[in-house]
Amino acid sequence: MARVKIESARVIRIMEGYGFKAEEVIQLRNGSEAKRYYTVWTKTKVQENDFVSVDGDLSVKVEEYTGKDNVPKVSAGVHINDAIVHAAIDAPF
């Protein structure tokens, strides 16, 4: 299984007892910004809007859901399993 390390991801939602959803903002080559979302499976306690660094096993799953426009959609869900979570050192303020 592949390992992944995420630096300065913001916690956007807590899944009590399971982990959290995190958002990473990256700089694209054309200068614009893009957001990446991860589901982090861990027992480490965090709070919404905390900035964290995450290291763990990477997995990607096909996820089906119904969008706000009531249309079925499919996306790739990125998950980090057995995650080790630390407070981010270079958190943007």
PDB file of N, CA and C in Angstrom:
ATOM      1  N   MET A   1       0.849  -1.177   0.000  1.00  0.00           N
ATOM      2  CA  MET A   1       0.000   0.000   0.000  1.00  0.00           C
ATOM      3  C   MET A   1       0.894   1.239   0.000  1.00  0.00           C
ATOM      4  N   ALA A   2       0.480   2.264  -0.705  1.00  0.00           N
ATOM      5  CA  ALA A   2       1.235   3.503  -0.797  1.00  0.00           C
ATOM      6  C   ALA A   2       1.077   4.325   0.476  1.00  0.00           C
ATOM      7  N   ARG A   3       2.132   5.033   0.846  1.00  0.00           N
ATOM      8  CA  ARG A   3       2.096   5.958   1.985  1.00  0.00           C
ATOM      9  C   ARG A   3       1.939   7.370   1.440  1.00  0.00           C
ATOM     10  N   VAL A   4       1.281   8.214   2.212  1.00  0.00           N
ATOM     11  CA  VAL A   4       1.082   9.601   1.808  1.00  0.00           C
ATOM     12  C   VAL A   4       1.352  10.497   3.005  1.00  0.00           C
ATOM     13  N   LYS A   5       1.869  11.695   2.730  1.00  0.00           N
ATOM     14  CA  LYS A   5       2.090  12.691   3.785  1.00  0.00           C
ATOM     15  C   LYS A   5       1.475  14.004   3.321  1.00  0.00           C
ATOM     16  N   ILE A   6       0.573  14.532   4.120  1.00  0.00           N
ATOM     17  CA  ILE A   6      -0.116  15.783   3.816  1.00  0.00           C
ATOM     18  C   ILE A   6       0.356  16.828   4.818  1.00  0.00           C
ATOM     19  N   GLU A   7       0.767  17.988   4.318  1.00  0.00           N
ATOM     20  CA  GLU A   7       1.221  19.082   5.181  1.00  0.00           C
ATOM     21  C   GLU A   7       0.154  20.178   5.221  1.00  0.00           C
ATOM     22  N   SER A   8      -0.112  20.715   6.365  1.00  0.00           N
ATOM     23  CA  SER A   8      -1.028  21.857   6.542  1.00  0.00           C
ATOM     24  C   SER A   8      -2.398  21.657   5.926  1.00  0.00           C
ATOM     25  N   ALA A   9      -3.062  20.593   6.304  1.00  0.00           N
ATOM     26  CA  ALA A   9      -4.448  20.371   5.897  1.00  0.00           C
ATOM     27  C   ALA A   9      -5.358  20.915   6.993  1.00  0.00           C
ATOM     28  N   ARG A  10      -6.475  21.501   6.587  1.00  0.00           N
ATOM     29  CA  ARG A  10      -7.419  22.071   7.557  1.00  0.00           C
ATOM     30  C   ARG A  10      -8.532  21.062   7.816  1.00  0.00           C
ATOM     31  N   VAL A  11      -8.836  20.838   9.077  1.00  0.00           N
ATOM     32  CA  VAL A  11      -9.924  19.941   9.460  1.00  0.00           C
ATOM     33  C   VAL A  11     -11.239  20.656   9.166  1.00  0.00           C
ATOM     34  N   ILE A  12     -12.081  20.034   8.323  1.00  0.00           N
ATOM     35  CA  ILE A  12     -13.335  20.694   7.954  1.00  0.00           C
ATOM     36  C   ILE A  12     -14.564  20.008   8.539  1.00  0.00           C
ATOM     37  N   ARG A  13     -14.434  18.731   8.951  1.00  0.00           N
ATOM     38  CA  ARG A  13     -15.573  18.045   9.558  1.00  0.00           C
ATOM     39  C   ARG A  13     -15.070  16.892  10.409  1.00  0.00           C
ATOM     40  N   ILE A  14     -15.656  16.742  11.584  1.00  0.00           N
ATOM     41  CA  ILE A  14     -15.303  15.662  12.502  1.00  0.00           C
ATOM     42  C   ILE A  14     -16.300  14.516  12.318  1.00  0.00           C
ATOM     43  N   MET A  15     -15.785  13.296  12.263  1.00  0.00           N
ATOM     44  CA  MET A  15     -16.624  12.095  12.268  1.00  0.00           C
ATOM     45  C   MET A  15     -16.343  11.416  13.602  1.00  0.00           C
ATOM     46  N   GLU A  16     -17.128  11.764  14.588  1.00  0.00           N
ATOM     47  CA  GLU A  16     -16.903  11.361  15.983  1.00  0.00           C
ATOM     48  C   GLU A  16     -16.635   9.861  16.113  1.00  0.00           C
ATOM     49  N   GLY A  17     -15.490   9.529  16.699  1.00  0.00           N
ATOM     50  CA  GLY A  17     -15.120   8.144  16.931  1.00  0.00           C
ATOM     51  C   GLY A  17     -14.433   7.463  15.753  1.00  0.00           C
ATOM     52  N   TYR A  18     -14.364   8.137  14.606  1.00  0.00           N
ATOM     53  CA  TYR A  18     -13.785   7.526  13.409  1.00  0.00           C
ATOM     54  C   TYR A  18     -12.626   8.314  12.821  1.00  0.00           C
ATOM     55  N   GLY A  19     -12.726   9.625  12.799  1.00  0.00           N
ATOM     56  CA  GLY A  19     -11.696  10.444  12.184  1.00  0.00           C
ATOM     57  C   GLY A  19     -12.256  11.789  11.765  1.00  0.00           C
ATOM     58  N   PHE A  20     -11.778  12.286  10.626  1.00  0.00           N
ATOM     59  CA  PHE A  20     -12.202  13.606  10.166  1.00  0.00           C
ATOM     60  C   PHE A  20     -11.978  13.755   8.670  1.00  0.00           C
ATOM     61  N   LYS A  21     -12.604  14.796   8.114  1.00  0.00           N
ATOM     62  CA  LYS A  21     -12.391  15.194   6.724  1.00  0.00           C
ATOM     63  C   LYS A  21     -11.432  16.376   6.747  1.00  0.00           C
ATOM     64  N   ALA A  22     -10.477  16.366   5.823  1.00  0.00           N
ATOM     65  CA  ALA A  22      -9.484  17.425   5.760  1.00  0.00           C
ATOM     66  C   ALA A  22      -9.438  18.036   4.365  1.00  0.00           C
ATOM     67  N   GLU A  23      -9.048  19.302   4.315  1.00  0.00           N
ATOM     68  CA  GLU A  23      -8.954  20.043   3.063  1.00  0.00           C
ATOM     69  C   GLU A  23      -7.533  20.578   2.935  1.00  0.00           C
ATOM     70  N   GLU A  24      -6.921  20.358   1.773  1.00  0.00           N
ATOM     71  CA  GLU A  24      -5.576  20.861   1.497  1.00  0.00           C
ATOM     72  C   GLU A  24      -5.677  21.820   0.319  1.00  0.00           C
ATOM     73  N   VAL A  25      -5.100  22.996   0.434  1.00  0.00           N
ATOM     74  CA  VAL A  25      -5.082  23.960  -0.656  1.00  0.00           C
ATOM     75  C   VAL A  25      -3.706  23.889  -1.295  1.00  0.00           C
ATOM     76  N   ILE A  26      -3.676  23.641  -2.618  1.00  0.00           N
ATOM     77  CA  ILE A  26      -2.400  23.529  -3.326  1.00  0.00           C
ATOM     78  C   ILE A  26      -2.310  24.597  -4.405  1.00  0.00           C
ATOM     79  N   GLN A  27      -1.095  24.926  -4.783  1.00  0.00           N
ATOM     80  CA  GLN A  27      -0.825  25.893  -5.838  1.00  0.00           C
ATOM     81  C   GLN A  27      -0.601  25.125  -7.141  1.00  0.00           C
ATOM     82  N   LEU A  28      -1.369  25.437  -8.182  1.00  0.00           N
ATOM     83  CA  LEU A  28      -1.210  24.806  -9.480  1.00  0.00           C
ATOM     84  C   LEU A  28      -0.123  25.511 -10.287  1.00  0.00           C
ATOM     85  N   ARG A  29       0.347  24.858 -11.333  1.00  0.00           N
ATOM     86  CA  ARG A  29       1.407  25.443 -12.161  1.00  0.00           C
ATOM     87  C   ARG A  29       1.004  26.764 -12.791  1.00  0.00           C
ATOM     88  N   ASN A  30      -0.272  26.940 -13.096  1.00  0.00           N
ATOM     89  CA  ASN A  30      -0.718  28.188 -13.725  1.00  0.00           C
ATOM     90  C   ASN A  30      -0.919  29.313 -12.707  1.00  0.00           C
ATOM     91  N   GLY A  31      -0.618  29.044 -11.436  1.00  0.00           N
ATOM     92  CA  GLY A  31      -0.706  30.068 -10.403  1.00  0.00           C
ATOM     93  C   GLY A  31      -2.002  30.069  -9.617  1.00  0.00           C
ATOM     94  N   SER A  32      -3.014  29.372 -10.086  1.00  0.00           N
ATOM     95  CA  SER A  32      -4.280  29.337  -9.351  1.00  0.00           C
ATOM     96  C   SER A  32      -4.215  28.286  -8.233  1.00  0.00           C
ATOM     97  N   GLU A  33      -5.189  28.342  -7.343  1.00  0.00           N
ATOM     98  CA  GLU A  33      -5.239  27.402  -6.230  1.00  0.00           C
ATOM     99  C   GLU A  33      -6.322  26.355  -6.469  1.00  0.00           C
ATOM    100  N   ALA A  34      -6.098  25.164  -5.926  1.00  0.00           N
ATOM    101  CA  ALA A  34      -7.085  24.083  -5.993  1.00  0.00           C
ATOM    102  C   ALA A  34      -7.175  23.451  -4.612  1.00  0.00           C
ATOM    103  N   LYS A  35      -8.318  22.853  -4.321  1.00  0.00           N
ATOM    104  CA  LYS A  35      -8.520  22.195  -3.033  1.00  0.00           C
ATOM    105  C   LYS A  35      -8.573  20.696  -3.237  1.00  0.00           C
ATOM    106  N   ARG A  36      -7.938  19.958  -2.322  1.00  0.00           N
ATOM    107  CA  ARG A  36      -8.007  18.505  -2.299  1.00  0.00           C
ATOM    108  C   ARG A  36      -8.622  18.099  -0.969  1.00  0.00           C
ATOM    109  N   TYR A  37      -9.467  17.072  -1.010  1.00  0.00           N
ATOM    110  CA  TYR A  37     -10.172  16.635   0.189  1.00  0.00           C
ATOM    111  C   TYR A  37      -9.773  15.201   0.531  1.00  0.00           C
ATOM    112  N   TYR A  38      -9.617  14.920   1.820  1.00  0.00           N
ATOM    113  CA  TYR A  38      -9.205  13.610   2.306  1.00  0.00           C
ATOM    114  C   TYR A  38     -10.104  13.193   3.464  1.00  0.00           C
ATOM    115  N   THR A  39     -10.364  11.890   3.562  1.00  0.00           N
ATOM    116  CA  THR A  39     -11.004  11.333   4.742  1.00  0.00           C
ATOM    117  C   THR A  39      -9.893  10.657   5.529  1.00  0.00           C
ATOM    118  N   VAL A  40      -9.687  11.113   6.765  1.00  0.00           N
ATOM    119  CA  VAL A  40      -8.591  10.614   7.607  1.00  0.00           C
ATOM    120  C   VAL A  40      -9.183   9.745   8.706  1.00  0.00           C
ATOM    121  N   TRP A  41      -8.759   8.468   8.743  1.00  0.00           N
ATOM    122  CA  TRP A  41      -9.256   7.512   9.727  1.00  0.00           C
ATOM    123  C   TRP A  41      -8.240   7.418  10.852  1.00  0.00           C
ATOM    124  N   THR A  42      -8.598   7.968  12.015  1.00  0.00           N
ATOM    125  CA  THR A  42      -7.699   8.005  13.157  1.00  0.00           C
ATOM    126  C   THR A  42      -8.492   8.203  14.438  1.00  0.00           C
ATOM    127  N   LYS A  43      -7.896   7.849  15.553  1.00  0.00           N
ATOM    128  CA  LYS A  43      -8.505   8.092  16.870  1.00  0.00           C
ATOM    129  C   LYS A  43      -7.999   9.403  17.477  1.00  0.00           C
ATOM    130  N   THR A  44      -7.045  10.059  16.831  1.00  0.00           N
ATOM    131  CA  THR A  44      -6.481  11.318  17.318  1.00  0.00           C
ATOM    132  C   THR A  44      -7.567  12.384  17.381  1.00  0.00           C
ATOM    133  N   LYS A  45      -7.655  13.067  18.497  1.00  0.00           N
ATOM    134  CA  LYS A  45      -8.662  14.112  18.688  1.00  0.00           C
ATOM    135  C   LYS A  45      -8.190  15.414  18.042  1.00  0.00           C
ATOM    136  N   VAL A  46      -9.034  15.981  17.189  1.00  0.00           N
ATOM    137  CA  VAL A  46      -8.781  17.277  16.565  1.00  0.00           C
ATOM    138  C   VAL A  46     -10.071  18.085  16.632  1.00  0.00           C
ATOM    139  N   GLN A  47      -9.981  19.357  16.300  1.00  0.00           N
ATOM    140  CA  GLN A  47     -11.158  20.216  16.266  1.00  0.00           C
ATOM    141  C   GLN A  47     -11.287  20.816  14.878  1.00  0.00           C
ATOM    142  N   GLU A  48     -12.499  21.186  14.509  1.00  0.00           N
ATOM    143  CA  GLU A  48     -12.706  21.838  13.219  1.00  0.00           C
ATOM    144  C   GLU A  48     -11.837  23.086  13.137  1.00  0.00           C
ATOM    145  N   ASN A  49     -11.310  23.334  11.942  1.00  0.00           N
ATOM    146  CA  ASN A  49     -10.439  24.463  11.610  1.00  0.00           C
ATOM    147  C   ASN A  49      -9.020  24.326  12.147  1.00  0.00           C
ATOM    148  N   ASP A  50      -8.670  23.212  12.794  1.00  0.00           N
ATOM    149  CA  ASP A  50      -7.275  22.945  13.146  1.00  0.00           C
ATOM    150  C   ASP A  50      -6.498  22.680  11.868  1.00  0.00           C
ATOM    151  N   PHE A  51      -5.222  23.070  11.840  1.00  0.00           N
ATOM    152  CA  PHE A  51      -4.332  22.714  10.746  1.00  0.00           C
ATOM    153  C   PHE A  51      -3.444  21.580  11.219  1.00  0.00           C
ATOM    154  N   VAL A  52      -3.411  20.490  10.439  1.00  0.00           N
ATOM    155  CA  VAL A  52      -2.692  19.288  10.837  1.00  0.00           C
ATOM    156  C   VAL A  52      -1.825  18.775   9.695  1.00  0.00           C
ATOM    157  N   SER A  53      -0.815  17.985  10.060  1.00  0.00           N
ATOM    158  CA  SER A  53      -0.038  17.199   9.106  1.00  0.00           C
ATOM    159  C   SER A  53      -0.439  15.755   9.326  1.00  0.00           C
ATOM    160  N   VAL A  54      -0.609  15.014   8.231  1.00  0.00           N
ATOM    161  CA  VAL A  54      -1.110  13.640   8.299  1.00  0.00           C
ATOM    162  C   VAL A  54      -0.176  12.729   7.511  1.00  0.00           C
ATOM    163  N   ASP A  55       0.143  11.582   8.100  1.00  0.00           N
ATOM    164  CA  ASP A  55       0.964  10.572   7.442  1.00  0.00           C
ATOM    165  C   ASP A  55       0.241   9.243   7.597  1.00  0.00           C
ATOM    166  N   GLY A  56       0.036   8.510   6.488  1.00  0.00           N
ATOM    167  CA  GLY A  56      -0.681   7.242   6.599  1.00  0.00           C
ATOM    168  C   GLY A  56      -0.754   6.490   5.288  1.00  0.00           C
ATOM    169  N   ASP A  57      -1.525   5.417   5.282  1.00  0.00           N
ATOM    170  CA  ASP A  57      -1.708   4.575   4.104  1.00  0.00           C
ATOM    171  C   ASP A  57      -2.792   5.165   3.209  1.00  0.00           C
ATOM    172  N   LEU A  58      -2.483   5.295   1.931  1.00  0.00           N
ATOM    173  CA  LEU A  58      -3.388   5.900   0.960  1.00  0.00           C
ATOM    174  C   LEU A  58      -4.295   4.860   0.322  1.00  0.00           C
ATOM    175  N   SER A  59      -5.580   5.172   0.217  1.00  0.00           N
ATOM    176  CA  SER A  59      -6.502   4.353  -0.564  1.00  0.00           C
ATOM    177  C   SER A  59      -7.487   5.284  -1.267  1.00  0.00           C
ATOM    178  N   VAL A  60      -7.964   4.841  -2.420  1.00  0.00           N
ATOM    179  CA  VAL A  60      -8.921   5.622  -3.205  1.00  0.00           C
ATOM    180  C   VAL A  60     -10.093   4.715  -3.527  1.00  0.00           C
ATOM    181  N   LYS A  61     -11.303   5.222  -3.306  1.00  0.00           N
ATOM    182  CA  LYS A  61     -12.509   4.434  -3.534  1.00  0.00           C
ATOM    183  C   LYS A  61     -13.482   5.223  -4.400  1.00  0.00           C
ATOM    184  N   VAL A  62     -14.210   4.521  -5.242  1.00  0.00           N
ATOM    185  CA  VAL A  62     -15.271   5.148  -6.022  1.00  0.00           C
ATOM    186  C   VAL A  62     -16.468   5.343  -5.095  1.00  0.00           C
ATOM    187  N   GLU A  63     -16.960   6.580  -5.037  1.00  0.00           N
ATOM    188  CA  GLU A  63     -18.078   6.903  -4.157  1.00  0.00           C
ATOM    189  C   GLU A  63     -19.221   7.486  -4.977  1.00  0.00           C
ATOM    190  N   GLU A  64     -20.427   7.001  -4.728  1.00  0.00           N
ATOM    191  CA  GLU A  64     -21.619   7.509  -5.393  1.00  0.00           C
ATOM    192  C   GLU A  64     -22.442   8.309  -4.392  1.00  0.00           C
ATOM    193  N   TYR A  65     -22.987   9.430  -4.849  1.00  0.00           N
ATOM    194  CA  TYR A  65     -23.808  10.269  -3.985  1.00  0.00           C
ATOM    195  C   TYR A  65     -24.781  11.070  -4.832  1.00  0.00           C
ATOM    196  N   THR A  66     -25.749  11.691  -4.193  1.00  0.00           N
ATOM    197  CA  THR A  66     -26.693  12.560  -4.882  1.00  0.00           C
ATOM    198  C   THR A  66     -26.325  13.996  -4.561  1.00  0.00           C
ATOM    199  N   GLY A  67     -26.088  14.790  -5.595  1.00  0.00           N
ATOM    200  CA  GLY A  67     -25.681  16.180  -5.430  1.00  0.00           C
ATOM    201  C   GLY A  67     -26.828  17.064  -4.981  1.00  0.00           C
ATOM    202  N   LYS A  68     -26.495  18.326  -4.717  1.00  0.00           N
ATOM    203  CA  LYS A  68     -27.511  19.292  -4.286  1.00  0.00           C
ATOM    204  C   LYS A  68     -28.578  19.509  -5.346  1.00  0.00           C
ATOM    205  N   ASP A  69     -28.216  19.251  -6.608  1.00  0.00           N
ATOM    206  CA  ASP A  69     -29.167  19.396  -7.702  1.00  0.00           C
ATOM    207  C   ASP A  69     -30.002  18.129  -7.917  1.00  0.00           C
ATOM    208  N   ASN A  70     -29.916  17.180  -6.960  1.00  0.00           N
ATOM    209  CA  ASN A  70     -30.672  15.927  -6.962  1.00  0.00           C
ATOM    210  C   ASN A  70     -30.300  15.013  -8.132  1.00  0.00           C
ATOM    211  N   VAL A  71     -29.055  15.140  -8.613  1.00  0.00           N
ATOM    212  CA  VAL A  71     -28.549  14.313  -9.702  1.00  0.00           C
ATOM    213  C   VAL A  71     -27.507  13.352  -9.131  1.00  0.00           C
ATOM    214  N   PRO A  72     -27.606  12.046  -9.433  1.00  0.00           N
ATOM    215  CA  PRO A  72     -26.592  11.098  -8.962  1.00  0.00           C
ATOM    216  C   PRO A  72     -25.218  11.427  -9.537  1.00  0.00           C
ATOM    217  N   LYS A  73     -24.189  11.341  -8.696  1.00  0.00           N
ATOM    218  CA  LYS A  73     -22.829  11.666  -9.116  1.00  0.00           C
ATOM    219  C   LYS A  73     -21.870  10.600  -8.613  1.00  0.00           C
ATOM    220  N   VAL A  74     -20.709  10.545  -9.241  1.00  0.00           N
ATOM    221  CA  VAL A  74     -19.658   9.605  -8.869  1.00  0.00           C
ATOM    222  C   VAL A  74     -18.369  10.388  -8.711  1.00  0.00           C
ATOM    223  N   SER A  75     -17.605  10.085  -7.665  1.00  0.00           N
ATOM    224  CA  SER A  75     -16.311  10.736  -7.458  1.00  0.00           C
ATOM    225  C   SER A  75     -15.327   9.724  -6.887  1.00  0.00           C
ATOM    226  N   ALA A  76     -14.073  10.118  -6.867  1.00  0.00           N
ATOM    227  CA  ALA A  76     -13.033   9.293  -6.253  1.00  0.00           C
ATOM    228  C   ALA A  76     -12.784   9.841  -4.853  1.00  0.00           C
ATOM    229  N   GLY A  77     -13.037   9.038  -3.834  1.00  0.00           N
ATOM    230  CA  GLY A  77     -12.814   9.445  -2.451  1.00  0.00           C
ATOM    231  C   GLY A  77     -11.418   9.030  -2.020  1.00  0.00           C
ATOM    232  N   VAL A  78     -10.637   9.994  -1.553  1.00  0.00           N
ATOM    233  CA  VAL A  78      -9.271   9.719  -1.115  1.00  0.00           C
ATOM    234  C   VAL A  78      -9.283   9.531   0.403  1.00  0.00           C
ATOM    235  N   HIS A  79      -8.788   8.382   0.859  1.00  0.00           N
ATOM    236  CA  HIS A  79      -8.805   8.032   2.272  1.00  0.00           C
ATOM    237  C   HIS A  79      -7.382   7.809   2.767  1.00  0.00           C
ATOM    238  N   ILE A  80      -7.129   8.208   4.011  1.00  0.00           N
ATOM    239  CA  ILE A  80      -5.842   7.957   4.654  1.00  0.00           C
ATOM    240  C   ILE A  80      -6.115   7.081   5.871  1.00  0.00           C
ATOM    241  N   ASN A  81      -5.617   5.850   5.827  1.00  0.00           N
ATOM    242  CA  ASN A  81      -5.847   4.861   6.873  1.00  0.00           C
ATOM    243  C   ASN A  81      -4.659   4.782   7.821  1.00  0.00           C
ATOM    244  N   ASP A  82      -4.908   4.318   9.057  1.00  0.00           N
ATOM    245  CA  ASP A  82      -3.852   4.205  10.074  1.00  0.00           C
ATOM    246  C   ASP A  82      -3.041   5.496  10.150  1.00  0.00           C
ATOM    247  N   ALA A  83      -3.732   6.612  10.183  1.00  0.00           N
ATOM    248  CA  ALA A  83      -3.097   7.925  10.094  1.00  0.00           C
ATOM    249  C   ALA A  83      -2.410   8.331  11.391  1.00  0.00           C
ATOM    250  N   ILE A  84      -1.257   8.966  11.215  1.00  0.00           N
ATOM    251  CA  ILE A  84      -0.554   9.620  12.317  1.00  0.00           C
ATOM    252  C   ILE A  84      -0.761  11.114  12.092  1.00  0.00           C
ATOM    253  N   VAL A  85      -1.327  11.790  13.078  1.00  0.00           N
ATOM    254  CA  VAL A  85      -1.713  13.193  12.935  1.00  0.00           C
ATOM    255  C   VAL A  85      -0.897  14.045  13.897  1.00  0.00           C
ATOM    256  N   HIS A  86      -0.347  15.161  13.373  1.00  0.00           N
ATOM    257  CA  HIS A  86       0.405  16.124  14.171  1.00  0.00           C
ATOM    258  C   HIS A  86      -0.117  17.522  13.869  1.00  0.00           C
ATOM    259  N   ALA A  87       0.052  18.429  14.802  1.00  0.00           N
ATOM    260  CA  ALA A  87      -0.275  19.824  14.548  1.00  0.00           C
ATOM    261  C   ALA A  87       0.669  20.329  13.459  1.00  0.00           C
ATOM    262  N   ALA A  88       0.130  21.061  12.482  1.00  0.00           N
ATOM    263  CA  ALA A  88       0.938  21.562  11.377  1.00  0.00           C
ATOM    264  C   ALA A  88       1.885  22.650  11.875  1.00  0.00           C
ATOM    265  N   ILE A  89       3.109  22.603  11.408  1.00  0.00           N
ATOM    266  CA  ILE A  89       4.114  23.595  11.806  1.00  0.00           C
ATOM    267  C   ILE A  89       3.956  24.886  11.025  1.00  0.00           C
ATOM    268  N   ASP A  90       3.714  24.772   9.713  1.00  0.00           N
ATOM    269  CA  ASP A  90       3.617  25.950   8.859  1.00  0.00           C
ATOM    270  C   ASP A  90       2.174  26.274   8.498  1.00  0.00           C
ATOM    271  N   ALA A  91       1.309  26.325   9.486  1.00  0.00           N
ATOM    272  CA  ALA A  91      -0.107  26.603   9.233  1.00  0.00           C
ATOM    273  C   ALA A  91      -0.272  28.028   8.739  1.00  0.00           C
ATOM    274  N   PRO A  92      -1.023  28.217   7.660  1.00  0.00           N
ATOM    275  CA  PRO A  92      -1.257  29.587   7.159  1.00  0.00           C
ATOM    276  C   PRO A  92      -2.225  30.331   8.081  1.00  0.00           C
ATOM    277  N   PHE A  93      -1.922  31.581   8.368  1.00  0.00           N
ATOM    278  CA  PHE A  93      -2.778  32.384   9.234  1.00  0.00           C
ATOM    279  C   PHE A  93      -3.220  33.631   8.548  1.00  0.00           C
TER     280      PHE A  93
END
